Amino acid sequence: MSGAFAMHAFLLSIAAVLVPAAACAQHLEVVPQHVAVGGDAVVHAFDAAARPLAALAVRVRDPGGTEHALGVTDAAGTVRYRPSQAGAHSVRAELAASAGQPPVLLLVGLEVAPAPRRWAAALFWVPVALLLLWAQARRRGATE
């Protein structure tokens, strides 16, 4: 893991803790926090009273630094995300200014792992299992 990547992930984790407290408990939450490429992550948006924030535009910044519009939260305050790149992603939304208050930026981090390589394991373990079954059958035939 490169130093810049580790620092980015560290700052995102700190922001995930500090920003909700600074924003009067309005916050974003990503479930699960760690997902593999191609897996589903759900972003939840809540207001200060822990009610869902509907119609909130959510954006995501991928590890390459490109920012994409993720979508708008539904009535339950959720929007789904299926990452296509491994690395640290940052999910953000901005609450509009109200009653003379500045806009509030909500930020949360998401760690995306590379897609699992199951074929490599299958190519190794299937022949091993077949060899063990063959050896067991041969040994049973020799004892009978």
C-alpha atoms as a PDB file:
ATOM      1  CA  MET A   1       0.000   0.000   0.000  1.00  0.00           C
ATOM      2  CA  SER A   2       1.490   3.339  -1.019  1.00  0.00           C
ATOM      3  CA  GLY A   3       1.983   6.158   1.466  1.00  0.00           C
ATOM      4  CA  ALA A   4      -0.448   8.474  -0.347  1.00  0.00           C
ATOM      5  CA  PHE A   5      -3.123   5.772  -0.439  1.00  0.00           C
ATOM      6  CA  ALA A   6      -2.674   5.012   3.273  1.00  0.00           C
ATOM      7  CA  MET A   7      -2.849   8.724   4.142  1.00  0.00           C
ATOM      8  CA  HIS A   8      -6.023   9.150   2.043  1.00  0.00           C
ATOM      9  CA  ALA A   9      -7.675   6.178   3.779  1.00  0.00           C
ATOM     10  CA  PHE A  10      -6.596   7.529   7.190  1.00  0.00           C
ATOM     11  CA  LEU A  11      -8.022  10.981   6.489  1.00  0.00           C
ATOM     12  CA  LEU A  12     -11.281   9.476   5.252  1.00  0.00           C
ATOM     13  CA  SER A  13     -11.641   7.437   8.435  1.00  0.00           C
ATOM     14  CA  ILE A  14     -11.056  10.554  10.557  1.00  0.00           C
ATOM     15  CA  ALA A  15     -13.551  12.533   8.470  1.00  0.00           C
ATOM     16  CA  ALA A  16     -16.116   9.748   8.900  1.00  0.00           C
ATOM     17  CA  VAL A  17     -15.872  10.271  12.662  1.00  0.00           C
ATOM     18  CA  LEU A  18     -15.498  14.052  12.871  1.00  0.00           C
ATOM     19  CA  VAL A  19     -17.856  15.274  10.150  1.00  0.00           C
ATOM     20  CA  PRO A  20     -21.061  13.792  11.637  1.00  0.00           C
ATOM     21  CA  ALA A  21     -20.268  15.370  15.016  1.00  0.00           C
ATOM     22  CA  ALA A  22     -19.548  18.741  13.409  1.00  0.00           C
ATOM     23  CA  ALA A  23     -22.681  18.547  11.292  1.00  0.00           C
ATOM     24  CA  CYS A  24     -25.082  18.246  14.242  1.00  0.00           C
ATOM     25  CA  ALA A  25     -25.403  14.484  13.784  1.00  0.00           C
ATOM     26  CA  GLN A  26     -26.470  14.738  10.125  1.00  0.00           C
ATOM     27  CA  HIS A  27     -24.463  12.033   8.466  1.00  0.00           C
ATOM     28  CA  LEU A  28     -23.887   9.514   5.721  1.00  0.00           C
ATOM     29  CA  GLU A  29     -23.342   5.849   6.442  1.00  0.00           C
ATOM     30  CA  VAL A  30     -22.103   3.170   4.016  1.00  0.00           C
ATOM     31  CA  VAL A  31     -23.062  -0.469   4.623  1.00  0.00           C
ATOM     32  CA  PRO A  32     -20.856  -2.469   4.443  1.00  0.00           C
ATOM     33  CA  GLN A  33     -17.760  -0.302   5.027  1.00  0.00           C
ATOM     34  CA  HIS A  34     -15.556  -2.796   3.171  1.00  0.00           C
ATOM     35  CA  VAL A  35     -16.773  -4.286  -0.106  1.00  0.00           C
ATOM     36  CA  ALA A  36     -15.164  -6.065  -3.067  1.00  0.00           C
ATOM     37  CA  VAL A  37     -15.196  -4.702  -6.610  1.00  0.00           C
ATOM     38  CA  GLY A  38     -18.594  -5.474  -8.119  1.00  0.00           C
ATOM     39  CA  GLY A  39     -20.225  -5.871  -4.695  1.00  0.00           C
ATOM     40  CA  ASP A  40     -23.106  -3.718  -3.516  1.00  0.00           C
ATOM     41  CA  ALA A  41     -22.756  -0.943  -0.971  1.00  0.00           C
ATOM     42  CA  VAL A  42     -25.727   1.034   0.304  1.00  0.00           C
ATOM     43  CA  VAL A  43     -25.338   4.691   1.269  1.00  0.00           C
ATOM     44  CA  HIS A  44     -27.755   5.882   3.978  1.00  0.00           C
ATOM     45  CA  ALA A  45     -28.316   9.595   4.695  1.00  0.00           C
ATOM     46  CA  PHE A  46     -29.750  10.767   8.028  1.00  0.00           C
ATOM     47  CA  ASP A  47     -30.685  14.148   9.470  1.00  0.00           C
ATOM     48  CA  ALA A  48     -30.018  15.338  13.038  1.00  0.00           C
ATOM     49  CA  ALA A  49     -33.100  13.473  14.321  1.00  0.00           C
ATOM     50  CA  ALA A  50     -31.927  10.204  12.651  1.00  0.00           C
ATOM     51  CA  ARG A  51     -34.675  10.453  10.022  1.00  0.00           C
ATOM     52  CA  PRO A  52     -33.814   9.498   6.429  1.00  0.00           C
ATOM     53  CA  LEU A  53     -32.840  12.345   4.110  1.00  0.00           C
ATOM     54  CA  ALA A  54     -34.731  11.914   0.832  1.00  0.00           C
ATOM     55  CA  ALA A  55     -33.821  13.586  -2.475  1.00  0.00           C
ATOM     56  CA  LEU A  56     -30.212  14.234  -1.428  1.00  0.00           C
ATOM     57  CA  ALA A  57     -27.711  14.222  -4.306  1.00  0.00           C
ATOM     58  CA  VAL A  58     -24.817  11.886  -3.492  1.00  0.00           C
ATOM     59  CA  ARG A  59     -21.441  11.875  -5.250  1.00  0.00           C
ATOM     60  CA  VAL A  60     -18.490   9.494  -5.075  1.00  0.00           C
ATOM     61  CA  ARG A  61     -14.781  10.038  -5.715  1.00  0.00           C
ATOM     62  CA  ASP A  62     -12.916   6.945  -6.870  1.00  0.00           C
ATOM     63  CA  PRO A  63      -9.250   6.159  -6.070  1.00  0.00           C
ATOM     64  CA  GLY A  64      -8.172   7.812  -9.334  1.00  0.00           C
ATOM     65  CA  GLY A  65      -9.650  11.118  -8.145  1.00  0.00           C
ATOM     66  CA  THR A  66     -12.558  11.133 -10.601  1.00  0.00           C
ATOM     67  CA  GLU A  67     -15.828  12.276  -9.086  1.00  0.00           C
ATOM     68  CA  HIS A  68     -19.114  10.745 -10.264  1.00  0.00           C
ATOM     69  CA  ALA A  69     -22.747  11.502  -9.487  1.00  0.00           C
ATOM     70  CA  LEU A  70     -23.949   8.443  -7.598  1.00  0.00           C
ATOM     71  CA  GLY A  71     -27.625   9.324  -7.567  1.00  0.00           C
ATOM     72  CA  VAL A  72     -30.321  10.779  -5.370  1.00  0.00           C
ATOM     73  CA  THR A  73     -31.471   9.187  -2.136  1.00  0.00           C
ATOM     74  CA  ASP A  74     -34.923   7.603  -2.142  1.00  0.00           C
ATOM     75  CA  ALA A  75     -37.665   8.068   0.472  1.00  0.00           C
ATOM     76  CA  ALA A  76     -35.749   5.756   2.825  1.00  0.00           C
ATOM     77  CA  GLY A  77     -32.645   7.951   2.472  1.00  0.00           C
ATOM     78  CA  THR A  78     -30.669   5.305   0.578  1.00  0.00           C
ATOM     79  CA  VAL A  79     -28.847   5.007  -2.706  1.00  0.00           C
ATOM     80  CA  ARG A  80     -26.956   1.910  -3.942  1.00  0.00           C
ATOM     81  CA  TYR A  81     -23.393   1.884  -5.216  1.00  0.00           C
ATOM     82  CA  ARG A  82     -21.520  -0.861  -7.065  1.00  0.00           C
ATOM     83  CA  PRO A  83     -17.817   0.121  -7.199  1.00  0.00           C
ATOM     84  CA  SER A  84     -15.766  -0.851 -10.237  1.00  0.00           C
ATOM     85  CA  GLN A  85     -12.302   0.047  -8.873  1.00  0.00           C
ATOM     86  CA  ALA A  86     -10.377  -1.157  -5.840  1.00  0.00           C
ATOM     87  CA  GLY A  87      -9.062   1.375  -3.334  1.00  0.00           C
ATOM     88  CA  ALA A  88     -10.325   4.130  -1.049  1.00  0.00           C
ATOM     89  CA  HIS A  89     -13.499   5.821  -2.254  1.00  0.00           C
ATOM     90  CA  SER A  90     -15.058   8.887  -0.665  1.00  0.00           C
ATOM     91  CA  VAL A  91     -18.809   9.380  -0.703  1.00  0.00           C
ATOM     92  CA  ARG A  92     -20.143  12.887  -0.188  1.00  0.00           C
ATOM     93  CA  ALA A  93     -23.338  14.876  -0.189  1.00  0.00           C
ATOM     94  CA  GLU A  94     -24.004  18.531   0.463  1.00  0.00           C
ATOM     95  CA  LEU A  95     -26.971  19.747   2.473  1.00  0.00           C
ATOM     96  CA  ALA A  96     -28.300  23.082   1.257  1.00  0.00           C
ATOM     97  CA  ALA A  97     -27.842  26.167   3.398  1.00  0.00           C
ATOM     98  CA  SER A  98     -30.768  27.031   5.665  1.00  0.00           C
ATOM     99  CA  ALA A  99     -31.646  29.861   8.060  1.00  0.00           C
ATOM    100  CA  GLY A 100     -28.410  31.737   7.486  1.00  0.00           C
ATOM    101  CA  GLN A 101     -26.303  28.618   8.013  1.00  0.00           C
ATOM    102  CA  PRO A 102     -23.663  27.633   5.454  1.00  0.00           C
ATOM    103  CA  PRO A 103     -24.102  24.414   3.462  1.00  0.00           C
ATOM    104  CA  VAL A 104     -23.061  21.250   5.308  1.00  0.00           C
ATOM    105  CA  LEU A 105     -20.788  18.756   3.590  1.00  0.00           C
ATOM    106  CA  LEU A 106     -21.354  15.139   4.600  1.00  0.00           C
ATOM    107  CA  LEU A 107     -18.452  12.782   3.916  1.00  0.00           C
ATOM    108  CA  VAL A 108     -17.793   9.094   4.511  1.00  0.00           C
ATOM    109  CA  GLY A 109     -15.106   6.683   3.330  1.00  0.00           C
ATOM    110  CA  LEU A 110     -15.498   3.318   1.672  1.00  0.00           C
ATOM    111  CA  GLU A 111     -12.724   0.754   1.254  1.00  0.00           C
ATOM    112  CA  VAL A 112     -13.064  -1.382  -1.880  1.00  0.00           C
ATOM    113  CA  ALA A 113     -11.022  -4.590  -2.144  1.00  0.00           C
ATOM    114  CA  PRO A 114     -10.024  -6.199  -5.440  1.00  0.00           C
ATOM    115  CA  ALA A 115     -12.463  -8.759  -6.805  1.00  0.00           C
ATOM    116  CA  PRO A 116     -11.796 -12.218  -5.383  1.00  0.00           C
ATOM    117  CA  ARG A 117      -9.965 -14.614  -7.696  1.00  0.00           C
ATOM    118  CA  ARG A 118     -11.858 -17.811  -7.159  1.00  0.00           C
ATOM    119  CA  TRP A 119     -10.825 -19.532 -10.387  1.00  0.00           C
ATOM    120  CA  ALA A 120      -7.190 -19.763  -9.376  1.00  0.00           C
ATOM    121  CA  ALA A 121      -8.142 -21.546  -6.162  1.00  0.00           C
ATOM    122  CA  ALA A 122     -10.559 -23.842  -7.997  1.00  0.00           C
ATOM    123  CA  LEU A 123      -7.918 -24.797 -10.556  1.00  0.00           C
ATOM    124  CA  PHE A 124      -5.643 -25.874  -7.711  1.00  0.00           C
ATOM    125  CA  TRP A 125      -8.040 -27.426  -5.181  1.00  0.00           C
ATOM    126  CA  VAL A 126     -10.352 -29.395  -7.505  1.00  0.00           C
ATOM    127  CA  PRO A 127      -7.520 -31.616  -8.855  1.00  0.00           C
ATOM    128  CA  VAL A 128      -6.143 -32.037  -5.322  1.00  0.00           C
ATOM    129  CA  ALA A 129      -9.571 -33.144  -4.073  1.00  0.00           C
ATOM    130  CA  LEU A 130      -9.962 -35.562  -6.991  1.00  0.00           C
ATOM    131  CA  LEU A 131      -6.512 -37.005  -6.309  1.00  0.00           C
ATOM    132  CA  LEU A 132      -7.361 -37.533  -2.641  1.00  0.00           C
ATOM    133  CA  LEU A 133     -10.665 -39.217  -3.558  1.00  0.00           C
ATOM    134  CA  TRP A 134      -8.874 -41.480  -6.025  1.00  0.00           C
ATOM    135  CA  ALA A 135      -6.234 -42.397  -3.405  1.00  0.00           C
ATOM    136  CA  GLN A 136      -8.957 -43.109  -0.823  1.00  0.00           C
ATOM    137  CA  ALA A 137     -10.923 -45.300  -3.272  1.00  0.00           C
ATOM    138  CA  ARG A 138      -7.757 -47.149  -4.245  1.00  0.00           C
ATOM    139  CA  ARG A 139      -6.856 -47.757  -0.603  1.00  0.00           C
ATOM    140  CA  ARG A 140     -10.370 -49.059   0.144  1.00  0.00           C
ATOM    141  CA  GLY A 141     -10.128 -51.404  -2.859  1.00  0.00           C
ATOM    142  CA  ALA A 142      -6.808 -52.763  -1.604  1.00  0.00           C
ATOM    143  CA  THR A 143      -8.147 -53.512   1.899  1.00  0.00           C
ATOM    144  CA  GLU A 144     -11.304 -55.325   0.748  1.00  0.00           C
END
